[in-house]
C-alpha cells in the first residue's frame, strides 16, 4: 500500500509540474504573440508614415509641375503674341511705304 501511495504522490507531482510547465509555455507564447503583434503594428505605422510622406511629396511635385507647365504656356503665348505683333507691324510698315 505504501508503494501505491508513493506512486500516486509521484504522479500528482508530475501532473503539477506538467501543469506548471504548460502555464509557463502558454505565458511565453502569449508574450511572443504580443511582441509579434506590436512589431507588426510598428511596421504598419512606419509604412503609413512613409506612404503619407510619399503622397505629400507627389502632391508637391504635381503642384510644381503644374506651375512649370503654366509658366511654359504663358511664355509660349507671349512669344506668339510678340511674333504676331511684329508681323502686323511689318504689314503696316509695308503698306505705308510707297512702291518703288
PDB file of N, CA and C in Angstrom:
ATOM      1  N   UNK A   1       0.811  -1.175   0.000  1.00  0.00           N
ATOM      2  CA  UNK A   1       0.000   0.000   0.000  1.00  0.00           C
ATOM      3  C   UNK A   1       0.866   1.254   0.000  1.00  0.00           C
ATOM      4  N   UNK A   2       1.977   1.149   0.676  1.00  0.00           N
ATOM      5  CA  UNK A   2       2.892   2.273   0.781  1.00  0.00           C
ATOM      6  C   UNK A   2       3.422   2.646  -0.601  1.00  0.00           C
ATOM      7  N   UNK A   3       3.798   1.663  -1.397  1.00  0.00           N
ATOM      8  CA  UNK A   3       4.303   1.916  -2.759  1.00  0.00           C
ATOM      9  C   UNK A   3       3.241   2.588  -3.620  1.00  0.00           C
ATOM     10  N   UNK A   4       2.025   2.159  -3.426  1.00  0.00           N
ATOM     11  CA  UNK A   4       0.930   2.731  -4.221  1.00  0.00           C
ATOM     12  C   UNK A   4       0.725   4.211  -3.838  1.00  0.00           C
ATOM     13  N   UNK A   5       0.855   4.530  -2.561  1.00  0.00           N
ATOM     14  CA  UNK A   5       0.722   5.919  -2.131  1.00  0.00           C
ATOM     15  C   UNK A   5       1.869   6.769  -2.671  1.00  0.00           C
ATOM     16  N   UNK A   6       3.076   6.217  -2.624  1.00  0.00           N
ATOM     17  CA  UNK A   6       4.242   6.926  -3.166  1.00  0.00           C
ATOM     18  C   UNK A   6       4.082   7.139  -4.676  1.00  0.00           C
ATOM     19  N   UNK A   7       3.610   6.101  -5.346  1.00  0.00           N
ATOM     20  CA  UNK A   7       3.391   6.190  -6.791  1.00  0.00           C
ATOM     21  C   UNK A   7       2.350   7.265  -7.089  1.00  0.00           C
ATOM     22  N   UNK A   8       1.284   7.317  -6.334  1.00  0.00           N
ATOM     23  CA  UNK A   8       0.236   8.317  -6.523  1.00  0.00           C
ATOM     24  C   UNK A   8       0.782   9.712  -6.249  1.00  0.00           C
ATOM     25  N   UNK A   9       1.613   9.827  -5.225  1.00  0.00           N
ATOM     26  CA  UNK A   9       2.222  11.106  -4.879  1.00  0.00           C
ATOM     27  C   UNK A   9       3.139  11.576  -6.005  1.00  0.00           C
ATOM     28  N   UNK A  10       3.959  10.664  -6.524  1.00  0.00           N
ATOM     29  CA  UNK A  10       4.853  10.998  -7.631  1.00  0.00           C
ATOM     30  C   UNK A  10       4.055  11.414  -8.868  1.00  0.00           C
ATOM     31  N   UNK A  11       2.999  10.697  -9.130  1.00  0.00           N
ATOM     32  CA  UNK A  11       2.154  11.010 -10.289  1.00  0.00           C
ATOM     33  C   UNK A  11       1.513  12.387 -10.121  1.00  0.00           C
ATOM     34  N   UNK A  12       1.064  12.689  -8.906  1.00  0.00           N
ATOM     35  CA  UNK A  12       0.469  14.002  -8.635  1.00  0.00           C
ATOM     36  C   UNK A  12       1.495  15.109  -8.831  1.00  0.00           C
ATOM     37  N   UNK A  13       2.731  14.887  -8.355  1.00  0.00           N
ATOM     38  CA  UNK A  13       3.794  15.873  -8.534  1.00  0.00           C
ATOM     39  C   UNK A  13       4.112  16.075 -10.017  1.00  0.00           C
ATOM     40  N   UNK A  14       4.156  14.968 -10.775  1.00  0.00           N
ATOM     41  CA  UNK A  14       4.416  15.080 -12.223  1.00  0.00           C
ATOM     42  C   UNK A  14       3.317  15.887 -12.902  1.00  0.00           C
ATOM     43  N   UNK A  15       2.061  15.644 -12.520  1.00  0.00           N
ATOM     44  CA  UNK A  15       0.942  16.383 -13.101  1.00  0.00           C
ATOM     45  C   UNK A  15       1.042  17.865 -12.761  1.00  0.00           C
ATOM     46  N   UNK A  16       1.402  18.163 -11.503  1.00  0.00           N
ATOM     47  CA  UNK A  16       1.563  19.566 -11.099  1.00  0.00           C
ATOM     48  C   UNK A  16       2.691  20.230 -11.886  1.00  0.00           C
ATOM     49  N   UNK A  17       3.797  19.493 -12.022  1.00  0.00           N
ATOM     50  CA  UNK A  17       4.950  20.023 -12.751  1.00  0.00           C
ATOM     51  C   UNK A  17       4.574  20.256 -14.212  1.00  0.00           C
ATOM     52  N   UNK A  18       3.873  19.290 -14.810  1.00  0.00           N
ATOM     53  CA  UNK A  18       3.439  19.403 -16.201  1.00  0.00           C
ATOM     54  C   UNK A  18       2.481  20.587 -16.358  1.00  0.00           C
ATOM     55  N   UNK A  19       1.568  20.753 -15.417  1.00  0.00           N
ATOM     56  CA  UNK A  19       0.618  21.866 -15.472  1.00  0.00           C
ATOM     57  C   UNK A  19       1.358  23.203 -15.356  1.00  0.00           C
ATOM     58  N   UNK A  20       2.345  23.244 -14.461  1.00  0.00           N
ATOM     59  CA  UNK A  20       3.132  24.472 -14.301  1.00  0.00           C
ATOM     60  C   UNK A  20       3.906  24.780 -15.579  1.00  0.00           C
ATOM     61  N   UNK A  21       4.475  23.769 -16.204  1.00  0.00           N
ATOM     62  CA  UNK A  21       5.215  23.958 -17.459  1.00  0.00           C
ATOM     63  C   UNK A  21       4.270  24.434 -18.570  1.00  0.00           C
ATOM     64  N   UNK A  22       3.082  23.864 -18.617  1.00  0.00           N
ATOM     65  CA  UNK A  22       2.110  24.292 -19.622  1.00  0.00           C
ATOM     66  C   UNK A  22       1.733  25.755 -19.427  1.00  0.00           C
ATOM     67  N   UNK A  23       1.565  26.142 -18.162  1.00  0.00           N
ATOM     68  CA  UNK A  23       1.241  27.542 -17.873  1.00  0.00           C
ATOM     69  C   UNK A  23       2.384  28.449 -18.309  1.00  0.00           C
ATOM     70  N   UNK A  24       3.626  28.047 -17.999  1.00  0.00           N
ATOM     71  CA  UNK A  24       4.790  28.839 -18.417  1.00  0.00           C
ATOM     72  C   UNK A  24       4.866  28.928 -19.948  1.00  0.00           C
ATOM     73  N   UNK A  25       4.623  27.793 -20.613  1.00  0.00           N
ATOM     74  CA  UNK A  25       4.666  27.764 -22.078  1.00  0.00           C
ATOM     75  C   UNK A  25       3.591  28.664 -22.667  1.00  0.00           C
ATOM     76  N   UNK A  26       2.402  28.607 -22.119  1.00  0.00           N
ATOM     77  CA  UNK A  26       1.323  29.470 -22.602  1.00  0.00           C
ATOM     78  C   UNK A  26       1.676  30.945 -22.390  1.00  0.00           C
ATOM     79  N   UNK A  27       2.279  31.246 -21.242  1.00  0.00           N
ATOM     80  CA  UNK A  27       2.679  32.634 -20.968  1.00  0.00           C
ATOM     81  C   UNK A  27       3.739  33.088 -21.972  1.00  0.00           C
ATOM     82  N   UNK A  28       4.717  32.204 -22.266  1.00  0.00           N
ATOM     83  CA  UNK A  28       5.755  32.538 -23.257  1.00  0.00           C
ATOM     84  C   UNK A  28       5.143  32.754 -24.644  1.00  0.00           C
ATOM     85  N   UNK A  29       4.227  31.877 -25.040  1.00  0.00           N
ATOM     86  CA  UNK A  29       3.574  32.011 -26.342  1.00  0.00           C
ATOM     87  C   UNK A  29       2.760  33.293 -26.414  1.00  0.00           C
ATOM     88  N   UNK A  30       2.059  33.606 -25.331  1.00  0.00           N
ATOM     89  CA  UNK A  30       1.262  34.829 -25.302  1.00  0.00           C
ATOM     90  C   UNK A  30       2.175  36.058 -25.408  1.00  0.00           C
ATOM     91  N   UNK A  31       3.295  36.042 -24.682  1.00  0.00           N
ATOM     92  CA  UNK A  31       4.248  37.153 -24.748  1.00  0.00           C
ATOM     93  C   UNK A  31       4.824  37.275 -26.156  1.00  0.00           C
ATOM     94  N   UNK A  32       5.137  36.140 -26.775  1.00  0.00           N
ATOM     95  CA  UNK A  32       5.678  36.149 -28.135  1.00  0.00           C
ATOM     96  C   UNK A  32       4.659  36.706 -29.119  1.00  0.00           C
ATOM     97  N   UNK A  33       3.390  36.278 -28.982  1.00  0.00           N
ATOM     98  CA  UNK A  33       2.337  36.804 -29.860  1.00  0.00           C
ATOM     99  C   UNK A  33       2.172  38.311 -29.671  1.00  0.00           C
ATOM    100  N   UNK A  34       2.225  38.729 -28.411  1.00  0.00           N
ATOM    101  CA  UNK A  34       2.089  40.155 -28.113  1.00  0.00           C
ATOM    102  C   UNK A  34       3.246  40.946 -28.742  1.00  0.00           C
ATOM    103  N   UNK A  35       4.464  40.432 -28.611  1.00  0.00           N
ATOM    104  CA  UNK A  35       5.627  41.091 -29.220  1.00  0.00           C
ATOM    105  C   UNK A  35       5.510  41.130 -30.741  1.00  0.00           C
ATOM    106  N   UNK A  36       5.063  40.019 -31.311  1.00  0.00           N
ATOM    107  CA  UNK A  36       4.905  39.958 -32.765  1.00  0.00           C
ATOM    108  C   UNK A  36       3.863  40.963 -33.228  1.00  0.00           C
ATOM    109  N   UNK A  37       2.758  41.037 -32.524  1.00  0.00           N
ATOM    110  CA  UNK A  37       1.708  41.985 -32.875  1.00  0.00           C
ATOM    111  C   UNK A  37       2.215  43.421 -32.762  1.00  0.00           C
ATOM    112  N   UNK A  38       2.935  43.718 -31.683  1.00  0.00           N
ATOM    113  CA  UNK A  38       3.480  45.066 -31.508  1.00  0.00           C
ATOM    114  C   UNK A  38       4.452  45.398 -32.633  1.00  0.00           C
ATOM    115  N   UNK A  39       5.285  44.452 -33.011  1.00  0.00           N
ATOM    116  CA  UNK A  39       6.252  44.662 -34.103  1.00  0.00           C
ATOM    117  C   UNK A  39       5.523  44.895 -35.426  1.00  0.00           C
ATOM    118  N   UNK A  40       4.495  44.090 -35.688  1.00  0.00           N
ATOM    119  CA  UNK A  40       3.720  44.265 -36.921  1.00  0.00           C
ATOM    120  C   UNK A  40       3.015  45.615 -36.954  1.00  0.00           C
ATOM    121  N   UNK A  41       2.485  46.030 -35.815  1.00  0.00           N
ATOM    122  CA  UNK A  41       1.821  47.335 -35.759  1.00  0.00           C
ATOM    123  C   UNK A  41       2.816  48.467 -35.999  1.00  0.00           C
ATOM    124  N   UNK A  42       4.010  48.327 -35.424  1.00  0.00           N
ATOM    125  CA  UNK A  42       5.045  49.349 -35.633  1.00  0.00           C
ATOM    126  C   UNK A  42       5.427  49.421 -37.110  1.00  0.00           C
ATOM    127  N   UNK A  43       5.530  48.270 -37.742  1.00  0.00           N
ATOM    128  CA  UNK A  43       5.861  48.234 -39.180  1.00  0.00           C
ATOM    129  C   UNK A  43       4.746  48.891 -39.982  1.00  0.00           C
ATOM    130  N   UNK A  44       3.501  48.584 -39.667  1.00  0.00           N
ATOM    131  CA  UNK A  44       2.370  49.179 -40.382  1.00  0.00           C
ATOM    132  C   UNK A  44       2.343  50.694 -40.210  1.00  0.00           C
ATOM    133  N   UNK A  45       2.584  51.158 -38.979  1.00  0.00           N
ATOM    134  CA  UNK A  45       2.605  52.600 -38.732  1.00  0.00           C
ATOM    135  C   UNK A  45       3.720  53.267 -39.526  1.00  0.00           C
ATOM    136  N   UNK A  46       4.881  52.623 -39.551  1.00  0.00           N
ATOM    137  CA  UNK A  46       6.005  53.162 -40.310  1.00  0.00           C
ATOM    138  C   UNK A  46       5.672  53.218 -41.797  1.00  0.00           C
ATOM    139  N   UNK A  47       5.039  52.171 -42.303  1.00  0.00           N
ATOM    140  CA  UNK A  47       4.649  52.154 -43.709  1.00  0.00           C
ATOM    141  C   UNK A  47       3.634  53.251 -44.010  1.00  0.00           C
ATOM    142  N   UNK A  48       2.689  53.459 -43.105  1.00  0.00           N
ATOM    143  CA  UNK A  48       1.704  54.518 -43.306  1.00  0.00           C
ATOM    144  C   UNK A  48       2.377  55.885 -43.332  1.00  0.00           C
ATOM    145  N   UNK A  49       3.318  56.096 -42.419  1.00  0.00           N
ATOM    146  CA  UNK A  49       4.044  57.369 -42.390  1.00  0.00           C
ATOM    147  C   UNK A  49       4.816  57.584 -43.688  1.00  0.00           C
ATOM    148  N   UNK A  50       5.502  56.523 -44.141  1.00  0.00           N
ATOM    149  CA  UNK A  50       6.264  56.653 -45.383  1.00  0.00           C
ATOM    150  C   UNK A  50       5.342  56.907 -46.572  1.00  0.00           C
ATOM    151  N   UNK A  51       4.193  56.228 -46.608  1.00  0.00           N
ATOM    152  CA  UNK A  51       3.237  56.441 -47.699  1.00  0.00           C
ATOM    153  C   UNK A  51       2.688  57.863 -47.658  1.00  0.00           C
ATOM    154  N   UNK A  52       2.420  58.365 -46.460  1.00  0.00           N
ATOM    155  CA  UNK A  52       1.945  59.743 -46.325  1.00  0.00           C
ATOM    156  C   UNK A  52       2.996  60.722 -46.838  1.00  0.00           C
ATOM    157  N   UNK A  53       4.253  60.486 -46.469  1.00  0.00           N
ATOM    158  CA  UNK A  53       5.330  61.365 -46.945  1.00  0.00           C
ATOM    159  C   UNK A  53       5.444  61.300 -48.461  1.00  0.00           C
ATOM    160  N   UNK A  54       5.345  60.079 -49.015  1.00  0.00           N
ATOM    161  CA  UNK A  54       5.415  59.942 -50.479  1.00  0.00           C
ATOM    162  C   UNK A  54       4.261  60.678 -51.141  1.00  0.00           C
ATOM    163  N   UNK A  55       3.064  60.557 -50.569  1.00  0.00           N
ATOM    164  CA  UNK A  55       1.897  61.233 -51.140  1.00  0.00           C
ATOM    165  C   UNK A  55       2.070  62.747 -51.069  1.00  0.00           C
ATOM    166  N   UNK A  56       2.584  63.236 -49.951  1.00  0.00           N
ATOM    167  CA  UNK A  56       2.820  64.677 -49.823  1.00  0.00           C
ATOM    168  C   UNK A  56       3.867  65.143 -50.834  1.00  0.00           C
ATOM    169  N   UNK A  57       4.911  64.350 -50.997  1.00  0.00           N
ATOM    170  CA  UNK A  57       5.964  64.702 -51.954  1.00  0.00           C
ATOM    171  C   UNK A  57       5.408  64.702 -53.378  1.00  0.00           C
ATOM    172  N   UNK A  58       4.586  63.677 -53.691  1.00  0.00           N
ATOM    173  CA  UNK A  58       3.967  63.623 -55.023  1.00  0.00           C
ATOM    174  C   UNK A  58       3.083  64.834 -55.260  1.00  0.00           C
ATOM    175  N   UNK A  59       2.297  65.198 -54.256  1.00  0.00           N
ATOM    176  CA  UNK A  59       1.398  66.351 -54.392  1.00  0.00           C
ATOM    177  C   UNK A  59       2.210  67.628 -54.618  1.00  0.00           C
ATOM    178  N   UNK A  60       3.297  67.784 -53.871  1.00  0.00           N
ATOM    179  CA  UNK A  60       4.146  68.972 -54.034  1.00  0.00           C
ATOM    180  C   UNK A  60       4.767  68.992 -55.431  1.00  0.00           C
ATOM    181  N   UNK A  61       5.208  67.836 -55.906  1.00  0.00           N
ATOM    182  CA  UNK A  61       5.792  67.758 -57.253  1.00  0.00           C
ATOM    183  C   UNK A  61       4.744  68.070 -58.319  1.00  0.00           C
ATOM    184  N   UNK A  62       3.527  67.585 -58.114  1.00  0.00           N
ATOM    185  CA  UNK A  62       2.461  67.879 -59.081  1.00  0.00           C
ATOM    186  C   UNK A  62       2.184  69.376 -59.138  1.00  0.00           C
ATOM    187  N   UNK A  63       2.169  70.011 -57.965  1.00  0.00           N
ATOM    188  CA  UNK A  63       1.944  71.462 -57.930  1.00  0.00           C
ATOM    189  C   UNK A  63       3.066  72.186 -58.653  1.00  0.00           C
ATOM    190  N   UNK A  64       4.305  71.766 -58.411  1.00  0.00           N
ATOM    191  CA  UNK A  64       5.452  72.393 -59.094  1.00  0.00           C
ATOM    192  C   UNK A  64       5.361  72.188 -60.599  1.00  0.00           C
ATOM    193  N   UNK A  65       4.982  70.958 -60.991  1.00  0.00           N
ATOM    194  CA  UNK A  65       4.883  70.666 -62.420  1.00  0.00           C
ATOM    195  C   UNK A  65       3.776  71.492 -63.058  1.00  0.00           C
ATOM    196  N   UNK A  66       2.651  71.624 -62.381  1.00  0.00           N
ATOM    197  CA  UNK A  66       1.568  72.456 -62.910  1.00  0.00           C
ATOM    198  C   UNK A  66       2.025  73.904 -63.062  1.00  0.00           C
ATOM    199  N   UNK A  67       2.776  74.397 -62.084  1.00  0.00           N
ATOM    200  CA  UNK A  67       3.288  75.769 -62.162  1.00  0.00           C
ATOM    201  C   UNK A  67       4.267  75.909 -63.331  1.00  0.00           C
ATOM    202  N   UNK A  68       5.134  74.921 -63.524  1.00  0.00           N
ATOM    203  CA  UNK A  68       6.083  74.968 -64.658  1.00  0.00           C
ATOM    204  C   UNK A  68       5.331  74.938 -65.986  1.00  0.00           C
ATOM    205  N   UNK A  69       4.319  74.050 -66.060  1.00  0.00           N
ATOM    206  CA  UNK A  69       3.523  73.971 -67.284  1.00  0.00           C
ATOM    207  C   UNK A  69       2.812  75.292 -67.571  1.00  0.00           C
ATOM    208  N   UNK A  70       2.243  75.887 -66.534  1.00  0.00           N
ATOM    209  CA  UNK A  70       1.547  77.166 -66.695  1.00  0.00           C
ATOM    210  C   UNK A  70       2.527  78.243 -67.161  1.00  0.00           C
ATOM    211  N   UNK A  71       3.706  78.292 -66.554  1.00  0.00           N
ATOM    212  CA  UNK A  71       4.718  79.283 -66.942  1.00  0.00           C
ATOM    213  C   UNK A  71       5.149  79.056 -68.393  1.00  0.00           C
ATOM    214  N   UNK A  72       5.310  77.792 -68.770  1.00  0.00           N
ATOM    215  CA  UNK A  72       5.702  77.483 -70.156  1.00  0.00           C
ATOM    216  C   UNK A  72       4.616  77.934 -71.133  1.00  0.00           C
ATOM    217  N   UNK A  73       3.353  77.649 -70.784  1.00  0.00           N
ATOM    218  CA  UNK A  73       2.252  78.065 -71.654  1.00  0.00           C
ATOM    219  C   UNK A  73       2.201  79.593 -71.783  1.00  0.00           C
ATOM    220  N   UNK A  74       2.357  80.270 -70.659  1.00  0.00           N
ATOM    221  CA  UNK A  74       2.329  81.734 -70.693  1.00  0.00           C
ATOM    222  C   UNK A  74       3.490  82.287 -71.517  1.00  0.00           C
ATOM    223  N   UNK A  75       4.656  81.683 -71.386  1.00  0.00           N
ATOM    224  CA  UNK A  75       5.827  82.113 -72.164  1.00  0.00           C
ATOM    225  C   UNK A  75       5.592  81.890 -73.654  1.00  0.00           C
ATOM    226  N   UNK A  76       5.046  80.728 -73.986  1.00  0.00           N
ATOM    227  CA  UNK A  76       4.758  80.423 -75.388  1.00  0.00           C
ATOM    228  C   UNK A  76       3.736  81.415 -75.948  1.00  0.00           C
ATOM    229  N   UNK A  77       2.694  81.690 -75.188  1.00  0.00           N
ATOM    230  CA  UNK A  77       1.675  82.638 -75.612  1.00  0.00           C
ATOM    231  C   UNK A  77       2.267  84.033 -75.809  1.00  0.00           C
ATOM    232  N   UNK A  78       3.125  84.458 -74.885  1.00  0.00           N
ATOM    233  CA  UNK A  78       3.757  85.775 -75.004  1.00  0.00           C
ATOM    234  C   UNK A  78       4.621  85.842 -76.262  1.00  0.00           C
ATOM    235  N   UNK A  79       5.398  84.788 -76.537  1.00  0.00           N
ATOM    236  CA  UNK A  79       6.218  84.772 -77.758  1.00  0.00           C
ATOM    237  C   UNK A  79       5.359  84.812 -79.015  1.00  0.00           C
ATOM    238  N   UNK A  80       4.261  84.034 -78.996  1.00  0.00           N
ATOM    239  CA  UNK A  80       3.366  84.038 -80.156  1.00  0.00           C
ATOM    240  C   UNK A  80       2.748  85.421 -80.366  1.00  0.00           C
ATOM    241  N   UNK A  81       2.402  86.093 -79.280  1.00  0.00           N
ATOM    242  CA  UNK A  81       1.848  87.445 -79.399  1.00  0.00           C
ATOM    243  C   UNK A  81       2.889  88.416 -79.938  1.00  0.00           C
ATOM    244  N   UNK A  82       4.140  88.299 -79.481  1.00  0.00           N
ATOM    245  CA  UNK A  82       5.212  89.155 -79.980  1.00  0.00           C
ATOM    246  C   UNK A  82       5.413  88.949 -81.480  1.00  0.00           C
ATOM    247  N   UNK A  83       5.392  87.673 -81.875  1.00  0.00           N
ATOM    248  CA  UNK A  83       5.567  87.363 -83.304  1.00  0.00           C
ATOM    249  C   UNK A  83       4.418  87.958 -84.104  1.00  0.00           C
ATOM    250  N   UNK A  84       3.184  87.778 -83.613  1.00  0.00           N
ATOM    251  CA  UNK A  84       2.008  88.307 -84.318  1.00  0.00           C
ATOM    252  C   UNK A  84       2.088  89.836 -84.397  1.00  0.00           C
ATOM    253  N   UNK A  85       2.486  90.486 -83.316  1.00  0.00           N
ATOM    254  CA  UNK A  85       2.610  91.949 -83.321  1.00  0.00           C
ATOM    255  C   UNK A  85       3.701  92.411 -84.281  1.00  0.00           C
ATOM    256  N   UNK A  86       4.808  91.683 -84.315  1.00  0.00           N
ATOM    257  CA  UNK A  86       5.891  92.038 -85.228  1.00  0.00           C
ATOM    258  C   UNK A  86       5.437  91.883 -86.678  1.00  0.00           C
ATOM    259  N   UNK A  87       4.696  90.823 -86.977  1.00  0.00           N
ATOM    260  CA  UNK A  87       4.185  90.622 -88.327  1.00  0.00           C
ATOM    261  C   UNK A  87       3.218  91.738 -88.710  1.00  0.00           C
ATOM    262  N   UNK A  88       2.356  92.097 -87.775  1.00  0.00           N
ATOM    263  CA  UNK A  88       1.394  93.177 -88.027  1.00  0.00           C
ATOM    264  C   UNK A  88       2.122  94.495 -88.275  1.00  0.00           C
ATOM    265  N   UNK A  89       3.156  94.743 -87.472  1.00  0.00           N
ATOM    266  CA  UNK A  89       3.935  95.980 -87.646  1.00  0.00           C
ATOM    267  C   UNK A  89       4.611  95.985 -89.017  1.00  0.00           C
ATOM    268  N   UNK A  90       5.140  94.869 -89.478  1.00  0.00           N
ATOM    269  CA  UNK A  90       5.769  94.804 -90.805  1.00  0.00           C
ATOM    270  C   UNK A  90       4.739  95.059 -91.914  1.00  0.00           C
ATOM    271  N   UNK A  91       3.531  94.493 -91.729  1.00  0.00           N
ATOM    272  CA  UNK A  91       2.470  94.701 -92.723  1.00  0.00           C
ATOM    273  C   UNK A  91       2.102  96.186 -92.814  1.00  0.00           C
ATOM    274  N   UNK A  92       1.953  96.811 -91.642  1.00  0.00           N
ATOM    275  CA  UNK A  92       1.608  98.238 -91.631  1.00  0.00           C
ATOM    276  C   UNK A  92       2.727  99.073 -92.252  1.00  0.00           C
ATOM    277  N   UNK A  93       3.951  98.723 -91.940  1.00  0.00           N
ATOM    278  CA  UNK A  93       5.089  99.455 -92.487  1.00  0.00           C
ATOM    279  C   UNK A  93       5.152  99.275 -93.994  1.00  0.00           C
ATOM    280  N   UNK A  94       4.849  98.054 -94.466  1.00  0.00           N
ATOM    281  CA  UNK A  94       4.873  97.779 -95.897  1.00  0.00           C
ATOM    282  C   UNK A  94       3.770  98.565 -96.595  1.00  0.00           C
ATOM    283  N   UNK A  95       2.623  98.749 -95.983  1.00  0.00           N
ATOM    284  CA  UNK A  95       1.537  99.493 -96.572  1.00  0.00           C
ATOM    285  C   UNK A  95       1.856 100.988 -96.663  1.00  0.00           C
ATOM    286  N   UNK A  96       2.565 101.506 -95.657  1.00  0.00           N
ATOM    287  CA  UNK A  96       2.874 102.940 -95.613  1.00  0.00           C
ATOM    288  C   UNK A  96       3.954 103.323 -96.624  1.00  0.00           C
ATOM    289  N   UNK A  97       4.849 102.423 -96.942  1.00  0.00           N
ATOM    290  CA  UNK A  97       5.923 102.737 -97.891  1.00  0.00           C
ATOM    291  C   UNK A  97       5.380 102.673 -99.310  1.00  0.00           C
ATOM    292  N   UNK A  98       5.719 103.714-100.079  1.00  0.00           N
ATOM    293  CA  UNK A  98       5.271 103.683-101.493  1.00  0.00           C
ATOM    294  C   UNK A  98       6.034 102.636-102.283  1.00  0.00           C
ATOM    295  N   UNK A  99       5.421 102.075-103.276  1.00  0.00           N
ATOM    296  CA  UNK A  99       6.129 101.081-104.096  1.00  0.00           C
ATOM    297  C   UNK A  99       7.277 101.730-104.864  1.00  0.00           C
ATOM    298  N   UNK A 100       8.323 101.049-105.091  1.00  0.00           N
ATOM    299  CA  UNK A 100       9.489 101.607-105.784  1.00  0.00           C
ATOM    300  C   UNK A 100       9.497 101.308-107.222  1.00  0.00           C
TER     301      UNK A 100
END
